[in-house]
């Protein structure tokens, strides 16, 4: 009886110490602030998209956001997206963005087993985490000649404790927004380096 009481007091102490709520967002690399002072040095560009291998519907289509970042960078006089065959362009950028979502189901099942085994006393202690991998690839063409291929990767992780699970939709939206900003900034920086080297 005394051992059971000590065990319960220890569990209550752990729950109080660790807290029942909490959220975390981690993005690697962190989105960099683009410090591009472009002046249309690359002329006009058309942005086209290639079919991705992996998609994650809540993230949406990343190509329009990439085109918007190119426009905001000031590297081009005009950014055409969606492009038309009669657009007069100096450069064509083909984009391909893959997103892999991993809800960590294996660890989730282990946590469920342990919380059930302890009559849900340990539920508030566990973090629930979800991983996202963003892969971006762009091909730069002048006319029909492939000039450069650039790639970028971003990893993102969203973590929540039990009483914060109700914030999952908002937290996921924030995580995806930061991850997109990270992949965009990497690729736009590489396009900027290409334009500077021309």
Protein backbone atom coordinates (compact mmCIF):
# COMPACT_ATOMS: atom_id res chain seq x y z
CA UNK A 1 0.00 0.00 0.00
CA UNK A 2 2.80 2.36 0.93
CA UNK A 3 4.66 1.62 -2.35
CA UNK A 4 1.51 2.37 -4.37
CA UNK A 5 1.02 5.70 -2.59
CA UNK A 6 4.67 6.62 -3.17
CA UNK A 7 4.32 5.70 -6.86
CA UNK A 8 1.20 7.85 -7.25
CA UNK A 9 2.86 10.79 -5.49
CA UNK A 10 5.86 10.44 -7.77
CA UNK A 11 3.61 10.45 -10.85
CA UNK A 12 1.74 13.52 -9.64
CA UNK A 13 5.06 15.25 -8.98
CA UNK A 14 6.27 14.42 -12.53
CA UNK A 15 3.03 15.73 -14.05
CA UNK A 16 3.24 18.98 -12.08
CA UNK A 17 6.94 19.36 -12.85
CA UNK A 18 6.67 18.79 -16.58
CA UNK A 19 3.35 20.55 -17.12
CA UNK A 20 0.39 19.43 -19.16
CA UNK A 21 0.53 22.03 -21.89
CA UNK A 22 3.17 23.14 -24.30
CA UNK A 23 3.91 23.54 -27.97
CA UNK A 24 7.09 23.78 -30.00
CA UNK A 25 7.91 24.50 -33.62
CA UNK A 26 11.36 23.76 -35.00
CA UNK A 27 12.43 24.52 -38.59
CA UNK A 28 15.88 23.70 -39.93
CA UNK A 29 17.29 25.79 -41.46
CA UNK A 30 15.48 28.76 -39.95
CA UNK A 31 13.90 30.99 -42.60
CA UNK A 32 16.47 33.58 -43.54
CA UNK A 33 15.54 37.16 -44.18
CA UNK A 34 16.18 37.78 -47.85
CA UNK A 35 18.43 40.78 -48.20
CA UNK A 36 18.28 40.94 -51.99
CA UNK A 37 18.26 44.38 -53.49
CA UNK A 38 17.46 43.26 -57.00
CA UNK A 39 16.89 45.59 -59.89
CA UNK A 40 15.51 43.33 -62.56
CA UNK A 41 19.03 42.12 -63.38
CA UNK A 42 17.75 38.85 -64.82
CA UNK A 43 15.06 40.43 -67.01
CA UNK A 44 11.75 38.57 -67.19
CA UNK A 45 11.14 35.10 -65.80
CA UNK A 46 8.43 32.49 -66.27
CA UNK A 47 7.77 30.09 -63.41
CA UNK A 48 6.46 26.63 -64.28
CA UNK A 49 5.79 23.65 -62.07
CA UNK A 50 6.68 20.01 -62.48
CA UNK A 51 4.51 17.31 -60.94
CA UNK A 52 5.72 16.49 -57.41
CA UNK A 53 6.36 12.93 -56.25
CA UNK A 54 4.99 13.50 -52.72
CA UNK A 55 2.40 16.04 -51.63
CA UNK A 56 0.78 17.02 -48.36
CA UNK A 57 -2.60 18.70 -49.03
CA UNK A 58 -2.61 21.03 -45.97
CA UNK A 59 0.62 22.59 -47.28
CA UNK A 60 -0.98 23.37 -50.63
CA UNK A 61 0.89 24.10 -53.84
CA UNK A 62 4.26 25.73 -53.11
CA UNK A 63 4.95 27.10 -56.60
CA UNK A 64 2.67 30.19 -56.34
CA UNK A 65 4.39 31.16 -53.08
CA UNK A 66 7.82 30.71 -54.67
CA UNK A 67 6.78 32.91 -57.62
CA UNK A 68 5.56 35.56 -55.15
CA UNK A 69 8.92 35.46 -53.33
CA UNK A 70 10.75 35.89 -56.64
CA UNK A 71 8.60 38.92 -57.38
CA UNK A 72 9.19 40.36 -53.91
CA UNK A 73 12.95 39.86 -54.28
CA UNK A 74 13.20 42.41 -57.09
CA UNK A 75 15.57 40.18 -59.08
CA UNK A 76 13.32 40.25 -62.14
CA UNK A 77 11.55 43.00 -64.04
CA UNK A 78 8.52 40.70 -64.41
CA UNK A 79 7.61 37.32 -62.93
CA UNK A 80 5.05 35.38 -64.95
CA UNK A 81 3.10 32.76 -63.04
CA UNK A 82 1.17 31.03 -64.39
CA UNK A 83 3.14 31.53 -67.55
CA UNK A 84 1.74 31.62 -71.08
CA UNK A 85 3.45 30.49 -74.28
CA UNK A 86 3.52 34.06 -75.61
CA UNK A 87 5.30 35.55 -72.55
CA UNK A 88 8.59 37.16 -73.56
CA UNK A 89 11.04 35.86 -70.99
CA UNK A 90 14.79 35.72 -70.48
CA UNK A 91 14.71 32.86 -68.02
CA UNK A 92 12.35 29.95 -67.29
CA UNK A 93 12.33 28.33 -63.85
CA UNK A 94 10.82 24.87 -63.53
CA UNK A 95 9.95 24.06 -59.91
CA UNK A 96 9.34 20.80 -58.11
CA UNK A 97 8.42 20.70 -54.43
CA UNK A 98 7.99 17.44 -52.50
CA UNK A 99 6.60 17.28 -48.97
CA UNK A 100 6.76 14.21 -46.75
CA UNK A 101 4.64 14.14 -43.59
CA UNK A 102 5.52 11.71 -40.79
CA UNK A 103 3.04 11.55 -37.88
CA UNK A 104 5.35 9.18 -35.94
CA UNK A 105 2.64 6.55 -35.55
CA UNK A 106 5.01 3.99 -33.97
CA UNK A 107 5.94 6.22 -31.06
CA UNK A 108 2.30 7.33 -30.79
CA UNK A 109 1.23 3.71 -30.28
CA UNK A 110 3.90 3.25 -27.60
CA UNK A 111 2.68 6.37 -25.80
CA UNK A 112 -0.91 5.14 -26.01
CA UNK A 113 0.09 1.79 -24.51
CA UNK A 114 1.99 3.41 -21.64
CA UNK A 115 -0.77 5.89 -20.84
CA UNK A 116 -3.35 3.11 -20.84
CA UNK A 117 -1.13 0.96 -18.64
CA UNK A 118 -0.85 3.77 -16.07
CA UNK A 119 -4.59 4.58 -16.23
CA UNK A 120 -3.83 7.79 -18.19
CA UNK A 121 -1.79 9.33 -15.36
CA UNK A 122 1.22 9.75 -17.66
CA UNK A 123 -0.78 11.28 -20.52
CA UNK A 124 0.22 14.89 -19.76
CA UNK A 125 3.92 14.02 -19.65
CA UNK A 126 4.30 12.94 -23.28
CA UNK A 127 5.02 15.14 -26.26
CA UNK A 128 3.25 14.32 -29.52
CA UNK A 129 5.45 15.19 -32.46
CA UNK A 130 4.92 15.42 -36.21
CA UNK A 131 7.71 15.72 -38.77
CA UNK A 132 7.72 17.40 -42.19
CA UNK A 133 10.39 17.17 -44.87
CA UNK A 134 10.37 19.73 -47.70
CA UNK A 135 12.49 19.15 -50.81
CA UNK A 136 12.69 21.84 -53.46
CA UNK A 137 14.32 21.62 -56.87
CA UNK A 138 14.48 24.29 -59.54
CA UNK A 139 15.84 24.10 -63.09
CA UNK A 140 16.91 27.39 -64.69
CA UNK A 141 16.60 27.56 -68.47
CA UNK A 142 17.70 30.24 -70.88
CA UNK A 143 15.73 29.45 -73.99
CA UNK A 144 15.87 25.66 -74.18
CA UNK A 145 19.29 25.40 -72.55
CA UNK A 146 19.44 24.18 -68.95
CA UNK A 147 21.83 26.54 -67.15
CA UNK A 148 21.59 25.48 -63.51
CA UNK A 149 19.80 23.08 -61.19
CA UNK A 150 19.46 24.04 -57.54
CA UNK A 151 18.09 22.01 -54.65
CA UNK A 152 17.11 22.87 -51.08
CA UNK A 153 15.81 20.94 -48.08
CA UNK A 154 13.94 22.02 -44.98
CA UNK A 155 13.00 19.90 -41.97
CA UNK A 156 10.20 20.97 -39.66
CA UNK A 157 8.87 19.48 -36.43
CA UNK A 158 5.69 20.32 -34.55
CA UNK A 159 5.39 19.15 -30.92
CA UNK A 160 2.45 19.36 -28.53
CA UNK A 161 1.55 18.11 -25.10
CA UNK A 162 -1.78 16.50 -24.33
CA UNK A 163 -3.72 19.59 -23.26
CA UNK A 164 -2.39 21.52 -26.26
CA UNK A 165 -3.67 19.06 -28.87
CA UNK A 166 -6.63 21.38 -29.52
CA UNK A 167 -4.14 23.85 -31.03
CA UNK A 168 -2.97 21.35 -33.67
CA UNK A 169 -4.57 23.07 -36.68
CA UNK A 170 -3.18 26.52 -35.84
CA UNK A 171 0.20 25.10 -34.88
CA UNK A 172 0.44 23.08 -38.10
CA UNK A 173 -0.41 26.16 -40.16
CA UNK A 174 2.38 28.11 -38.41
CA UNK A 175 4.84 25.22 -38.90
CA UNK A 176 4.08 24.90 -42.62
CA UNK A 177 4.32 28.69 -43.12
CA UNK A 178 7.78 28.78 -41.51
CA UNK A 179 8.94 25.72 -43.48
CA UNK A 180 7.78 27.29 -46.76
CA UNK A 181 9.58 30.53 -45.92
CA UNK A 182 12.74 28.51 -45.27
CA UNK A 183 12.67 26.61 -48.57
CA UNK A 184 11.74 29.74 -50.53
CA UNK A 185 14.54 31.82 -49.02
CA UNK A 186 17.14 29.15 -49.83
CA UNK A 187 16.07 28.85 -53.46
CA UNK A 188 15.56 32.58 -54.10
CA UNK A 189 19.04 33.22 -52.67
CA UNK A 190 20.48 30.72 -55.16
CA UNK A 191 18.63 32.37 -58.04
CA UNK A 192 19.99 35.70 -56.81
CA UNK A 193 23.53 34.30 -56.84
CA UNK A 194 22.97 33.11 -60.41
CA UNK A 195 21.72 36.55 -61.48
CA UNK A 196 24.66 38.27 -59.78
CA UNK A 197 27.10 36.02 -61.61
CA UNK A 198 25.72 36.77 -65.07
